[in-house]
């Protein structure tokens, strides 16, 4: 599956925004083992 990751999701992860960091981290964990293709 291909996904487009919005800049805000990247910022949520990098800045560890309290309400969103877990969701963003879960997304990045899925990208790591090649479950998702990013564009």
PDB file of N, CA and C in Angstrom:
ATOM      1  N   UNK A   1       0.837  -1.168   0.000  1.00  0.00           N
ATOM      2  CA  UNK A   1       0.000   0.000   0.000  1.00  0.00           C
ATOM      3  C   UNK A   1       0.891   1.244   0.000  1.00  0.00           C
ATOM      4  N   UNK A   2       0.519   2.204  -0.794  1.00  0.00           N
ATOM      5  CA  UNK A   2       1.235   3.475  -0.832  1.00  0.00           C
ATOM      6  C   UNK A   2       0.499   4.502   0.012  1.00  0.00           C
ATOM      7  N   UNK A   3       1.259   5.263   0.770  1.00  0.00           N
ATOM      8  CA  UNK A   3       0.663   6.321   1.582  1.00  0.00           C
ATOM      9  C   UNK A   3       1.469   7.600   1.432  1.00  0.00           C
ATOM     10  N   UNK A   4       0.783   8.699   1.564  1.00  0.00           N
ATOM     11  CA  UNK A   4       1.419  10.007   1.583  1.00  0.00           C
ATOM     12  C   UNK A   4       1.352  10.499   3.022  1.00  0.00           C
ATOM     13  N   UNK A   5       2.498  10.787   3.601  1.00  0.00           N
ATOM     14  CA  UNK A   5       2.538  11.224   4.990  1.00  0.00           C
ATOM     15  C   UNK A   5       2.601  12.743   5.030  1.00  0.00           C
ATOM     16  N   UNK A   6       1.611  13.327   5.675  1.00  0.00           N
ATOM     17  CA  UNK A   6       1.532  14.772   5.812  1.00  0.00           C
ATOM     18  C   UNK A   6       2.669  15.282   6.707  1.00  0.00           C
ATOM     19  N   UNK A   7       3.119  16.478   6.426  1.00  0.00           N
ATOM     20  CA  UNK A   7       4.194  17.095   7.203  1.00  0.00           C
ATOM     21  C   UNK A   7       3.851  17.149   8.687  1.00  0.00           C
ATOM     22  N   UNK A   8       2.599  17.381   9.003  1.00  0.00           N
ATOM     23  CA  UNK A   8       2.195  17.460  10.409  1.00  0.00           C
ATOM     24  C   UNK A   8       2.400  16.142  11.148  1.00  0.00           C
ATOM     25  N   UNK A   9       2.248  15.034  10.461  1.00  0.00           N
ATOM     26  CA  UNK A   9       2.477  13.730  11.088  1.00  0.00           C
ATOM     27  C   UNK A   9       3.957  13.572  11.420  1.00  0.00           C
ATOM     28  N   UNK A  10       4.813  14.002  10.513  1.00  0.00           N
ATOM     29  CA  UNK A  10       6.258  13.947  10.763  1.00  0.00           C
ATOM     30  C   UNK A  10       6.604  14.834  11.953  1.00  0.00           C
ATOM     31  N   UNK A  11       6.035  16.023  11.996  1.00  0.00           N
ATOM     32  CA  UNK A  11       6.294  16.929  13.118  1.00  0.00           C
ATOM     33  C   UNK A  11       5.754  16.367  14.431  1.00  0.00           C
ATOM     34  N   UNK A  12       4.594  15.732  14.391  1.00  0.00           N
ATOM     35  CA  UNK A  12       4.056  15.093  15.598  1.00  0.00           C
ATOM     36  C   UNK A  12       5.054  14.101  16.158  1.00  0.00           C
ATOM     37  N   UNK A  13       5.658  13.331  15.283  1.00  0.00           N
ATOM     38  CA  UNK A  13       6.627  12.320  15.697  1.00  0.00           C
ATOM     39  C   UNK A  13       7.915  12.956  16.209  1.00  0.00           C
ATOM     40  N   UNK A  14       8.467  13.877  15.445  1.00  0.00           N
ATOM     41  CA  UNK A  14       9.752  14.480  15.809  1.00  0.00           C
ATOM     42  C   UNK A  14       9.672  15.357  17.054  1.00  0.00           C
ATOM     43  N   UNK A  15       8.564  16.074  17.198  1.00  0.00           N
ATOM     44  CA  UNK A  15       8.402  16.979  18.339  1.00  0.00           C
ATOM     45  C   UNK A  15       7.699  16.312  19.519  1.00  0.00           C
ATOM     46  N   UNK A  16       7.344  15.036  19.327  1.00  0.00           N
ATOM     47  CA  UNK A  16       6.668  14.246  20.357  1.00  0.00           C
ATOM     48  C   UNK A  16       5.450  14.968  20.916  1.00  0.00           C
ATOM     49  N   UNK A  17       4.595  15.425  20.015  1.00  0.00           N
ATOM     50  CA  UNK A  17       3.361  16.097  20.429  1.00  0.00           C
ATOM     51  C   UNK A  17       2.471  15.100  21.157  1.00  0.00           C
ATOM     52  N   UNK A  18       2.112  15.458  22.357  1.00  0.00           N
ATOM     53  CA  UNK A  18       1.479  14.539  23.302  1.00  0.00           C
ATOM     54  C   UNK A  18       0.266  13.785  22.751  1.00  0.00           C
ATOM     55  N   UNK A  19      -0.617  14.465  22.085  1.00  0.00           N
ATOM     56  CA  UNK A  19      -1.844  13.810  21.623  1.00  0.00           C
ATOM     57  C   UNK A  19      -1.640  12.919  20.406  1.00  0.00           C
ATOM     58  N   UNK A  20      -0.536  13.101  19.693  1.00  0.00           N
ATOM     59  CA  UNK A  20      -0.398  12.437  18.400  1.00  0.00           C
ATOM     60  C   UNK A  20       0.844  11.562  18.251  1.00  0.00           C
ATOM     61  N   UNK A  21       1.751  11.610  19.198  1.00  0.00           N
ATOM     62  CA  UNK A  21       3.032  10.920  19.021  1.00  0.00           C
ATOM     63  C   UNK A  21       2.860   9.405  18.894  1.00  0.00           C
ATOM     64  N   UNK A  22       1.934   8.816  19.639  1.00  0.00           N
ATOM     65  CA  UNK A  22       1.754   7.359  19.558  1.00  0.00           C
ATOM     66  C   UNK A  22       1.250   6.928  18.184  1.00  0.00           C
ATOM     67  N   UNK A  23       0.315   7.654  17.639  1.00  0.00           N
ATOM     68  CA  UNK A  23      -0.202   7.322  16.309  1.00  0.00           C
ATOM     69  C   UNK A  23       0.870   7.490  15.245  1.00  0.00           C
ATOM     70  N   UNK A  24       1.625   8.563  15.345  1.00  0.00           N
ATOM     71  CA  UNK A  24       2.696   8.804  14.381  1.00  0.00           C
ATOM     72  C   UNK A  24       3.773   7.726  14.501  1.00  0.00           C
ATOM     73  N   UNK A  25       4.127   7.360  15.719  1.00  0.00           N
ATOM     74  CA  UNK A  25       5.145   6.329  15.929  1.00  0.00           C
ATOM     75  C   UNK A  25       4.686   4.991  15.357  1.00  0.00           C
ATOM     76  N   UNK A  26       3.417   4.676  15.534  1.00  0.00           N
ATOM     77  CA  UNK A  26       2.875   3.421  14.985  1.00  0.00           C
ATOM     78  C   UNK A  26       2.980   3.407  13.463  1.00  0.00           C
ATOM     79  N   UNK A  27       2.698   4.547  12.845  1.00  0.00           N
ATOM     80  CA  UNK A  27       2.816   4.664  11.393  1.00  0.00           C
ATOM     81  C   UNK A  27       4.259   4.445  10.947  1.00  0.00           C
ATOM     82  N   UNK A  28       5.202   5.080  11.630  1.00  0.00           N
ATOM     83  CA  UNK A  28       6.602   4.931  11.249  1.00  0.00           C
ATOM     84  C   UNK A  28       7.123   3.518  11.503  1.00  0.00           C
ATOM     85  N   UNK A  29       6.586   2.842  12.502  1.00  0.00           N
ATOM     86  CA  UNK A  29       6.982   1.441  12.723  1.00  0.00           C
ATOM     87  C   UNK A  29       6.513   0.562  11.568  1.00  0.00           C
ATOM     88  N   UNK A  30       5.376   0.871  10.988  1.00  0.00           N
ATOM     89  CA  UNK A  30       4.878   0.099   9.853  1.00  0.00           C
ATOM     90  C   UNK A  30       5.696   0.360   8.601  1.00  0.00           C
ATOM     91  N   UNK A  31       6.235   1.545   8.465  1.00  0.00           N
ATOM     92  CA  UNK A  31       7.064   1.871   7.306  1.00  0.00           C
ATOM     93  C   UNK A  31       8.381   1.113   7.375  1.00  0.00           C
ATOM     94  N   UNK A  32       8.950   0.994   8.551  1.00  0.00           N
ATOM     95  CA  UNK A  32      10.260   0.364   8.713  1.00  0.00           C
ATOM     96  C   UNK A  32      10.343  -1.037   8.124  1.00  0.00           C
ATOM     97  N   UNK A  33       9.426  -1.940   8.432  1.00  0.00           N
ATOM     98  CA  UNK A  33       9.536  -3.293   7.866  1.00  0.00           C
ATOM     99  C   UNK A  33       8.927  -3.416   6.464  1.00  0.00           C
ATOM    100  N   UNK A  34       8.820  -2.310   5.768  1.00  0.00           N
ATOM    101  CA  UNK A  34       8.313  -2.294   4.391  1.00  0.00           C
ATOM    102  C   UNK A  34       6.865  -2.743   4.267  1.00  0.00           C
ATOM    103  N   UNK A  35       6.067  -2.519   5.296  1.00  0.00           N
ATOM    104  CA  UNK A  35       4.643  -2.810   5.191  1.00  0.00           C
ATOM    105  C   UNK A  35       3.947  -1.749   4.350  1.00  0.00           C
ATOM    106  N   UNK A  36       4.495  -0.534   4.362  1.00  0.00           N
ATOM    107  CA  UNK A  36       3.917   0.562   3.597  1.00  0.00           C
ATOM    108  C   UNK A  36       4.986   1.171   2.712  1.00  0.00           C
ATOM    109  N   UNK A  37       4.587   1.603   1.534  1.00  0.00           N
ATOM    110  CA  UNK A  37       5.483   2.346   0.651  1.00  0.00           C
ATOM    111  C   UNK A  37       5.105   3.807   0.745  1.00  0.00           C
ATOM    112  N   UNK A  38       6.072   4.647   1.036  1.00  0.00           N
ATOM    113  CA  UNK A  38       5.779   6.071   1.146  1.00  0.00           C
ATOM    114  C   UNK A  38       6.117   6.774  -0.151  1.00  0.00           C
ATOM    115  N   UNK A  39       5.393   7.854  -0.407  1.00  0.00           N
ATOM    116  CA  UNK A  39       5.661   8.661  -1.598  1.00  0.00           C
ATOM    117  C   UNK A  39       5.903  10.090  -1.177  1.00  0.00           C
TER     118      UNK A  39
END
